[in-house]
Amino acid sequence: MKRIILNETSYFGAGSRSVISEEVARRGFKKAFFVTDKDLIKFGIAAKVIEILDKSSIPYTLFSDFKANPTIINVQNGVEAYKNSGADFIIALGGGSSIDTAKGIGIVVNNPEFSDVKSLEGVAPTKQKAVPTFALPTTAGTAAEVTINYVIIDEDAKKKMVCVDPNDIPAVAIVDPELMYSMPKGLTAATGMDALTHAIESYITPGAWAMSDMFELKAIEMIALNLKKAVDNGNDTEARDNMAQAQYIAGMGFSNVGLGIVHSMAHPLGAFYDTPHGVANALLLPYVMEYNSDSPAAPKYKDIAKAMGIDTEGMDLDQAVKAAIDAVKQLSISINIPQKLIEIGVKEEDIPALANAAFNDVCTGGNPRPTSVEDIEALYRKAYK
């Protein structure tokens, strides 16, 4: 049996944020709890949403008290702020940090028995849907607006808690590329490679099937065609628009079939060093692809290579595997993604602890090749320097 969970309603296209007022009226909401980060307020991106709320006379309470990698206390503070606000729905504007914070808040408000937040790790048995949420991404990578996943930092345990809950998916996703046009090159590169990692990992996970494969191959193809253009020229609105769509398409797949050990290994890097998630994924992806080529998923690498723009006619399996890995690596290099863990401040003495944390990550079970702490440690060391 297969299952697909997607947003109730999704909008795409430049300026699509304007539908906020229409959706609020249609759903009978009265007041918004607006979750966005301080930088988006500072640089005027939040103002693009506030303008719509003001014009439509929709009252709101602004909440921006959370870190780039949101923590348990950030979610708990958000729950209290929501309760005190008198709001009846959430608007989340930002990358994964804003939308993940909003998901955590929305779940705990309607499922108060999970108020310690730690109990949400993994697949939590919540009973009620989260507070209705409108999610507007400002980065083309995480696809948090369409997934049933969110990540919260447990600072005490020094780890990222991956929470998987069908009840947390935003009711409305509004993918407005105008909100992404100001992304700097580095963020465009990192989030784009995050989307590529989502697409490749979920394409080769054992849970993949016809519908998820359809999403992921299209996402890989679109990212291969548009990511470098978007990085090199931030004013290339066509490339920006295509990346906005591609990351959402990748999210439709991976949210429903899972990921693998690229994500398992990236999560501890974020918890230990605050490494940007997209950078961690991009750096690790070729190493893990090589490792996973010794698995039943190997024949799918030819499809990946083809979607990356490689002419695979006449290639045998080994050649196709190499072509897929090389194409991913060359794209990463071309947009200045670091290639070794030592370059991003990873300490060699931490590798055993990183490997243990990665092995116990919820994404490990989705890897196409059964793995071990020792295998993961060897991969970290291979990627180290």
Protein backbone atom coordinates (compact mmCIF):
# COMPACT_ATOMS: atom_id res chain seq x y z
CA MET A 1 0.00 0.00 0.00
CA LYS A 2 1.25 3.48 -0.91
CA ARG A 3 0.28 6.84 0.57
CA ILE A 4 0.57 10.43 -0.66
CA ILE A 5 -0.05 13.41 1.63
CA LEU A 6 0.04 16.89 0.08
CA ASN A 7 -1.21 20.38 0.95
CA GLU A 8 -4.95 21.06 0.77
CA THR A 9 -4.21 23.97 -1.58
CA SER A 10 -1.05 25.21 -3.30
CA TYR A 11 -0.36 28.32 -5.35
CA PHE A 12 2.60 29.01 -7.65
CA GLY A 13 3.92 32.00 -9.54
CA ALA A 14 5.29 35.49 -9.11
CA GLY A 15 3.00 37.56 -6.91
CA SER A 16 0.95 34.57 -5.74
CA ARG A 17 1.25 35.79 -2.14
CA SER A 18 -1.71 38.03 -2.98
CA VAL A 19 -4.04 35.03 -2.47
CA ILE A 20 -3.48 35.21 1.29
CA SER A 21 -6.43 37.56 1.72
CA GLU A 22 -8.66 35.39 -0.46
CA GLU A 23 -7.77 32.21 1.45
CA VAL A 24 -8.25 33.92 4.83
CA ALA A 25 -11.72 35.07 3.80
CA ARG A 26 -12.62 31.68 2.32
CA ARG A 27 -11.64 29.87 5.49
CA GLY A 28 -13.18 32.42 7.85
CA PHE A 29 -10.00 33.17 9.79
CA LYS A 30 -9.82 36.29 11.95
CA LYS A 31 -6.22 36.86 13.10
CA ALA A 32 -2.80 35.62 11.97
CA PHE A 33 0.17 34.52 14.03
CA PHE A 34 2.95 35.55 11.67
CA VAL A 35 6.13 33.48 12.09
CA THR A 36 9.17 34.85 10.26
CA ASP A 37 12.84 35.41 11.03
CA LYS A 38 14.55 38.65 11.95
CA ASP A 39 16.57 38.88 8.73
CA LEU A 40 13.43 38.72 6.59
CA ILE A 41 12.01 41.57 8.65
CA LYS A 42 15.27 43.52 8.39
CA PHE A 43 15.58 43.16 4.61
CA GLY A 44 11.96 43.96 3.82
CA ILE A 45 10.76 40.54 2.69
CA ALA A 46 8.29 40.24 5.57
CA ALA A 47 6.90 43.63 4.56
CA LYS A 48 5.68 42.08 1.29
CA VAL A 49 3.31 39.89 3.32
CA ILE A 50 2.47 42.51 5.94
CA GLU A 51 1.37 44.83 3.13
CA ILE A 52 -1.26 42.26 2.09
CA LEU A 53 -2.45 41.79 5.66
CA ASP A 54 -2.74 45.53 6.21
CA LYS A 55 -4.58 46.14 2.93
CA SER A 56 -7.06 43.39 3.79
CA SER A 57 -7.41 44.53 7.43
CA ILE A 58 -6.22 41.17 8.72
CA PRO A 59 -4.78 41.64 12.23
CA TYR A 60 -1.62 39.74 13.13
CA THR A 61 0.92 39.11 15.88
CA LEU A 62 4.54 38.89 14.73
CA PHE A 63 6.80 36.16 16.16
CA SER A 64 10.50 36.04 15.26
CA ASP A 65 12.10 34.76 18.47
CA PHE A 66 13.87 31.67 17.12
CA LYS A 67 17.27 30.58 15.85
CA ALA A 68 18.32 29.61 12.32
CA ASN A 69 18.23 26.04 13.60
CA PRO A 70 15.13 26.32 15.84
CA THR A 71 15.30 24.81 19.32
CA ILE A 72 12.87 23.20 21.72
CA ILE A 73 12.66 26.39 23.78
CA ASN A 74 11.97 28.41 20.62
CA VAL A 75 8.94 26.22 19.91
CA GLN A 76 7.75 26.36 23.52
CA ASN A 77 8.04 30.16 23.57
CA GLY A 78 6.14 30.27 20.29
CA VAL A 79 3.33 28.15 21.73
CA GLU A 80 2.90 30.59 24.62
CA ALA A 81 3.02 33.57 22.26
CA TYR A 82 0.37 31.97 20.03
CA LYS A 83 -1.93 31.28 22.98
CA ASN A 84 -1.59 34.89 24.14
CA SER A 85 -2.12 36.33 20.66
CA GLY A 86 -5.75 35.43 20.07
CA ALA A 87 -4.82 34.18 16.58
CA ASP A 88 -6.69 31.36 14.87
CA PHE A 89 -4.19 30.52 12.11
CA ILE A 90 -0.47 30.77 11.34
CA ILE A 91 1.41 32.36 8.47
CA ALA A 92 4.99 31.07 8.16
CA LEU A 93 7.38 33.01 5.94
CA GLY A 94 10.96 31.89 5.41
CA GLY A 95 13.18 28.90 4.88
CA GLY A 96 13.10 25.69 6.85
CA SER A 97 13.74 27.47 10.14
CA SER A 98 10.59 29.62 10.03
CA ILE A 99 8.32 26.92 8.64
CA ASP A 100 9.69 24.21 10.96
CA THR A 101 9.20 26.50 13.96
CA ALA A 102 5.63 27.15 12.84
CA LYS A 103 4.99 23.42 12.42
CA GLY A 104 6.22 22.71 15.94
CA ILE A 105 4.09 25.52 17.38
CA GLY A 106 0.99 24.46 15.43
CA ILE A 107 1.29 20.83 16.50
CA VAL A 108 1.84 21.54 20.20
CA VAL A 109 -0.98 24.11 20.41
CA ASN A 110 -3.48 21.51 19.18
CA ASN A 111 -1.79 18.54 20.86
CA PRO A 112 -0.77 19.91 24.29
CA GLU A 113 0.19 16.47 25.57
CA PHE A 114 3.36 16.88 23.45
CA SER A 115 4.32 20.19 25.07
CA ASP A 116 7.77 18.95 26.10
CA VAL A 117 8.51 18.87 22.30
CA LYS A 118 11.05 16.03 22.77
CA SER A 119 8.17 13.56 22.53
CA LEU A 120 7.58 14.70 18.92
CA GLU A 121 10.83 13.15 17.67
CA GLY A 122 10.40 10.43 15.08
CA VAL A 123 6.85 9.48 14.17
CA ALA A 124 4.74 11.00 16.94
CA PRO A 125 1.19 9.71 17.52
CA THR A 126 -0.51 13.10 17.55
CA LYS A 127 -4.29 13.03 17.27
CA GLN A 128 -5.16 16.52 16.02
CA LYS A 129 -4.09 18.46 12.95
CA ALA A 130 -1.82 21.41 13.62
CA VAL A 131 -3.16 24.95 13.70
CA PRO A 132 -4.03 25.78 10.04
CA THR A 133 -0.88 27.21 8.49
CA PHE A 134 -0.11 29.17 5.32
CA ALA A 135 3.52 28.48 4.38
CA LEU A 136 5.44 30.84 2.09
CA PRO A 137 9.01 29.69 1.36
CA THR A 138 11.77 32.25 0.74
CA THR A 139 14.39 29.70 -0.28
CA ALA A 140 14.30 27.20 -3.14
CA GLY A 141 15.41 24.10 -1.31
CA THR A 142 13.85 22.78 1.87
CA ALA A 143 10.30 22.25 0.53
CA ALA A 144 9.14 22.59 4.15
CA GLU A 145 5.87 24.03 2.84
CA VAL A 146 4.83 20.66 1.35
CA THR A 147 6.38 18.11 3.70
CA ILE A 148 5.20 16.24 6.76
CA ASN A 149 8.64 16.65 8.33
CA TYR A 150 10.25 19.27 10.50
CA VAL A 151 13.52 19.50 12.42
CA ILE A 152 14.04 20.95 15.90
CA ILE A 153 17.32 21.15 17.83
CA ASP A 154 17.54 19.43 21.21
CA GLU A 155 20.30 21.58 22.69
CA ASP A 156 20.69 19.40 25.79
CA ALA A 157 21.31 16.26 23.72
CA LYS A 158 23.17 18.25 21.03
CA LYS A 159 21.16 16.71 18.21
CA LYS A 160 18.62 17.49 15.53
CA MET A 161 15.26 15.89 16.20
CA VAL A 162 13.62 14.85 12.95
CA CYS A 163 9.85 14.88 13.47
CA VAL A 164 7.58 13.12 10.97
CA ASP A 165 3.87 13.81 11.36
CA PRO A 166 1.09 13.91 8.73
CA ASN A 167 -0.75 16.34 11.01
CA ASP A 168 1.87 19.07 10.57
CA ILE A 169 1.62 19.69 6.81
CA PRO A 170 0.63 23.30 6.05
CA ALA A 171 -2.94 23.69 4.85
CA VAL A 172 -1.86 26.18 2.19
CA ALA A 173 1.47 26.44 0.37
CA ILE A 174 2.19 29.65 -1.53
CA VAL A 175 5.33 29.32 -3.66
CA ASP A 176 5.97 32.88 -4.77
CA PRO A 177 9.41 33.18 -6.42
CA GLU A 178 9.38 36.95 -5.90
CA LEU A 179 10.03 36.18 -2.23
CA MET A 180 13.22 34.33 -3.30
CA TYR A 181 14.72 36.83 -5.74
CA SER A 182 16.91 38.48 -3.10
CA MET A 183 18.62 35.23 -2.03
CA PRO A 184 22.42 35.68 -2.19
CA LYS A 185 24.54 33.34 -4.32
CA GLY A 186 25.69 31.15 -1.43
CA LEU A 187 22.19 30.56 -0.13
CA THR A 188 20.85 29.95 -3.64
CA ALA A 189 23.58 27.34 -4.16
CA ALA A 190 23.15 25.59 -0.81
CA THR A 191 19.36 25.42 -0.89
CA GLY A 192 19.36 24.29 -4.52
CA MET A 193 21.71 21.43 -3.69
CA ASP A 194 19.46 20.59 -0.73
CA ALA A 195 16.61 20.16 -3.22
CA LEU A 196 18.79 17.98 -5.46
CA THR A 197 19.71 15.82 -2.47
CA HIS A 198 16.02 15.41 -1.63
CA ALA A 199 15.28 14.33 -5.19
CA ILE A 200 18.15 11.85 -5.51
CA GLU A 201 17.81 10.29 -2.07
CA SER A 202 14.09 9.76 -2.37
CA TYR A 203 14.45 8.43 -5.93
CA ILE A 204 16.66 5.58 -4.70
CA THR A 205 15.06 4.88 -1.32
CA PRO A 206 13.37 1.44 -1.05
CA GLY A 207 10.00 3.13 -0.49
CA ALA A 208 10.09 4.90 -3.87
CA TRP A 209 7.34 4.07 -6.37
CA ALA A 210 5.89 5.29 -9.66
CA MET A 211 4.43 8.56 -8.40
CA SER A 212 7.42 9.59 -6.29
CA ASP A 213 9.78 8.60 -9.12
CA MET A 214 7.85 10.88 -11.46
CA PHE A 215 8.28 13.81 -9.08
CA GLU A 216 11.96 13.21 -8.38
CA LEU A 217 13.16 12.70 -11.95
CA LYS A 218 11.44 15.91 -13.00
CA ALA A 219 12.96 17.75 -10.05
CA ILE A 220 16.48 16.50 -10.87
CA GLU A 221 16.05 17.56 -14.49
CA MET A 222 14.83 21.05 -13.55
CA ILE A 223 17.56 21.59 -10.96
CA ALA A 224 20.30 20.46 -13.37
CA LEU A 225 19.02 22.95 -15.95
CA ASN A 226 18.41 25.91 -13.66
CA LEU A 227 20.48 25.90 -10.47
CA LYS A 228 23.75 27.23 -11.88
CA LYS A 229 21.85 29.88 -13.86
CA ALA A 230 20.08 31.01 -10.68
CA VAL A 231 23.37 31.14 -8.75
CA ASP A 232 25.32 32.94 -11.48
CA ASN A 233 22.62 35.49 -12.21
CA GLY A 234 20.19 36.26 -9.42
CA ASN A 235 18.17 38.36 -11.87
CA ASP A 236 17.39 35.36 -14.06
CA THR A 237 13.75 35.19 -13.04
CA GLU A 238 13.03 32.19 -15.24
CA ALA A 239 15.72 30.14 -13.49
CA ARG A 240 14.50 31.37 -10.09
CA ASP A 241 10.90 30.46 -10.93
CA ASN A 242 11.93 27.00 -12.14
CA MET A 243 13.98 26.35 -9.00
CA ALA A 244 11.01 27.38 -6.85
CA GLN A 245 8.89 24.79 -8.61
CA ALA A 246 11.60 22.11 -8.67
CA GLN A 247 12.20 22.17 -4.93
CA TYR A 248 8.45 21.85 -4.29
CA ILE A 249 8.21 18.93 -6.73
CA ALA A 250 11.10 17.20 -4.94
CA GLY A 251 9.32 17.79 -1.64
CA MET A 252 6.13 16.09 -2.85
CA GLY A 253 8.18 12.94 -3.32
CA PHE A 254 10.55 12.79 -0.37
CA SER A 255 7.93 13.79 2.18
CA ASN A 256 6.03 10.62 1.29
CA VAL A 257 8.78 8.05 0.67
CA GLY A 258 11.66 9.19 2.87
CA LEU A 259 15.36 9.98 2.56
CA GLY A 260 18.67 8.26 3.34
CA ILE A 261 22.03 8.68 5.04
CA VAL A 262 23.05 11.90 3.31
CA HIS A 263 20.47 13.50 5.57
CA SER A 264 21.38 11.26 8.50
CA MET A 265 24.98 12.47 8.22
CA ALA A 266 24.05 16.12 7.56
CA HIS A 267 21.82 16.46 10.62
CA PRO A 268 24.62 16.00 13.21
CA LEU A 269 26.77 18.54 11.37
CA GLY A 270 23.99 21.07 11.92
CA ALA A 271 23.65 20.12 15.58
CA PHE A 272 27.40 20.09 16.32
CA TYR A 273 28.60 23.04 14.24
CA ASP A 274 25.49 24.88 13.02
CA THR A 275 26.50 23.93 9.48
CA PRO A 276 23.93 25.14 6.93
CA HIS A 277 21.84 22.10 6.04
CA GLY A 278 22.12 22.53 2.27
CA VAL A 279 25.91 22.83 2.42
CA ALA A 280 26.17 19.66 4.51
CA ASN A 281 23.93 17.73 2.12
CA ALA A 282 25.72 18.99 -0.98
CA LEU A 283 29.16 18.10 0.34
CA LEU A 284 28.17 14.60 1.42
CA LEU A 285 25.93 13.66 -1.53
CA PRO A 286 28.59 12.35 -3.99
CA TYR A 287 30.29 10.25 -1.30
CA VAL A 288 27.02 8.64 -0.25
CA MET A 289 25.95 8.13 -3.87
CA GLU A 290 29.16 6.18 -4.46
CA TYR A 291 28.51 4.11 -1.32
CA ASN A 292 24.89 3.41 -2.31
CA SER A 293 25.87 2.37 -5.85
CA ASP A 294 26.55 -1.01 -4.24
CA SER A 295 22.83 -1.61 -3.63
CA PRO A 296 19.69 -2.68 -5.47
CA ALA A 297 19.19 1.00 -6.39
CA ALA A 298 22.24 1.04 -8.70
CA PRO A 299 20.25 0.68 -11.97
CA LYS A 300 18.41 3.92 -11.13
CA TYR A 301 21.68 5.87 -11.38
CA LYS A 302 21.35 5.74 -15.17
CA ASP A 303 18.05 7.63 -14.86
CA ILE A 304 19.73 10.15 -12.56
CA ALA A 305 22.58 10.69 -15.02
CA LYS A 306 20.11 11.19 -17.87
CA ALA A 307 18.06 13.67 -15.82
CA MET A 308 21.29 15.54 -15.05
CA GLY A 309 21.73 16.05 -18.80
CA ILE A 310 24.19 13.24 -19.55
CA ASP A 311 23.89 11.23 -22.77
CA THR A 312 23.74 7.70 -21.35
CA GLU A 313 23.24 5.90 -24.68
CA GLY A 314 25.48 2.83 -24.78
CA MET A 315 26.68 3.12 -21.18
CA ASP A 316 26.92 0.02 -19.04
CA LEU A 317 25.86 0.17 -15.40
CA ASP A 318 29.28 1.06 -14.00
CA GLN A 319 29.68 3.89 -16.50
CA ALA A 320 26.21 5.22 -15.74
CA VAL A 321 26.86 5.15 -12.00
CA LYS A 322 30.09 7.10 -12.46
CA ALA A 323 28.38 9.55 -14.81
CA ALA A 324 25.63 10.30 -12.28
CA ILE A 325 28.06 10.86 -9.42
CA ASP A 326 30.38 12.98 -11.56
CA ALA A 327 27.50 15.15 -12.79
CA VAL A 328 26.37 15.86 -9.25
CA LYS A 329 29.92 16.62 -8.12
CA GLN A 330 30.60 18.92 -11.07
CA LEU A 331 27.41 20.89 -10.45
CA SER A 332 28.39 21.27 -6.79
CA ILE A 333 31.91 22.47 -7.69
CA SER A 334 30.57 24.87 -10.32
CA ILE A 335 28.54 26.75 -7.70
CA ASN A 336 31.36 26.83 -5.11
CA ILE A 337 30.08 24.28 -2.60
CA PRO A 338 32.87 23.13 -0.21
CA GLN A 339 34.06 19.62 -1.04
CA LYS A 340 35.67 18.50 2.23
CA LEU A 341 34.45 18.51 5.82
CA ILE A 342 37.66 20.12 7.07
CA GLU A 343 36.75 23.20 5.00
CA ILE A 344 33.56 23.76 7.01
CA GLY A 345 35.13 23.39 10.46
CA VAL A 346 34.45 19.75 11.25
CA LYS A 347 36.82 18.37 13.90
CA GLU A 348 38.32 14.97 13.18
CA GLU A 349 38.02 13.92 16.81
CA ASP A 350 34.24 14.40 16.60
CA ILE A 351 33.79 11.90 13.76
CA PRO A 352 32.96 8.88 15.97
CA ALA A 353 30.25 10.87 17.78
CA LEU A 354 28.94 12.21 14.48
CA ALA A 355 28.76 8.68 13.08
CA ASN A 356 26.86 7.39 16.09
CA ALA A 357 24.35 10.26 15.88
CA ALA A 358 23.92 9.74 12.14
CA PHE A 359 23.32 6.01 12.50
CA ASN A 360 20.53 6.71 15.01
CA ASP A 361 18.90 9.35 12.81
CA VAL A 362 15.36 8.62 11.58
CA CYS A 363 16.48 8.94 7.93
CA THR A 364 18.92 6.01 8.16
CA GLY A 365 16.15 3.47 7.71
CA GLY A 366 15.40 4.86 4.26
CA ASN A 367 18.86 4.21 2.85
CA PRO A 368 18.92 1.72 -0.05
CA ARG A 369 22.02 0.02 1.34
CA PRO A 370 21.93 -1.34 4.90
CA THR A 371 24.56 0.51 6.86
CA SER A 372 26.41 0.54 10.19
CA VAL A 373 28.09 3.04 12.49
CA GLU A 374 31.44 1.85 11.09
CA ASP A 375 30.37 2.42 7.49
CA ILE A 376 29.12 5.91 8.28
CA GLU A 377 32.31 6.75 10.16
CA ALA A 378 34.34 5.63 7.12
CA LEU A 379 32.23 7.91 4.91
CA TYR A 380 32.81 10.89 7.18
CA ARG A 381 36.55 10.17 7.09
CA LYS A 382 36.54 9.87 3.31
CA ALA A 383 34.82 13.24 3.09
CA TYR A 384 37.04 14.84 5.75
CA LYS A 385 40.12 15.98 3.80
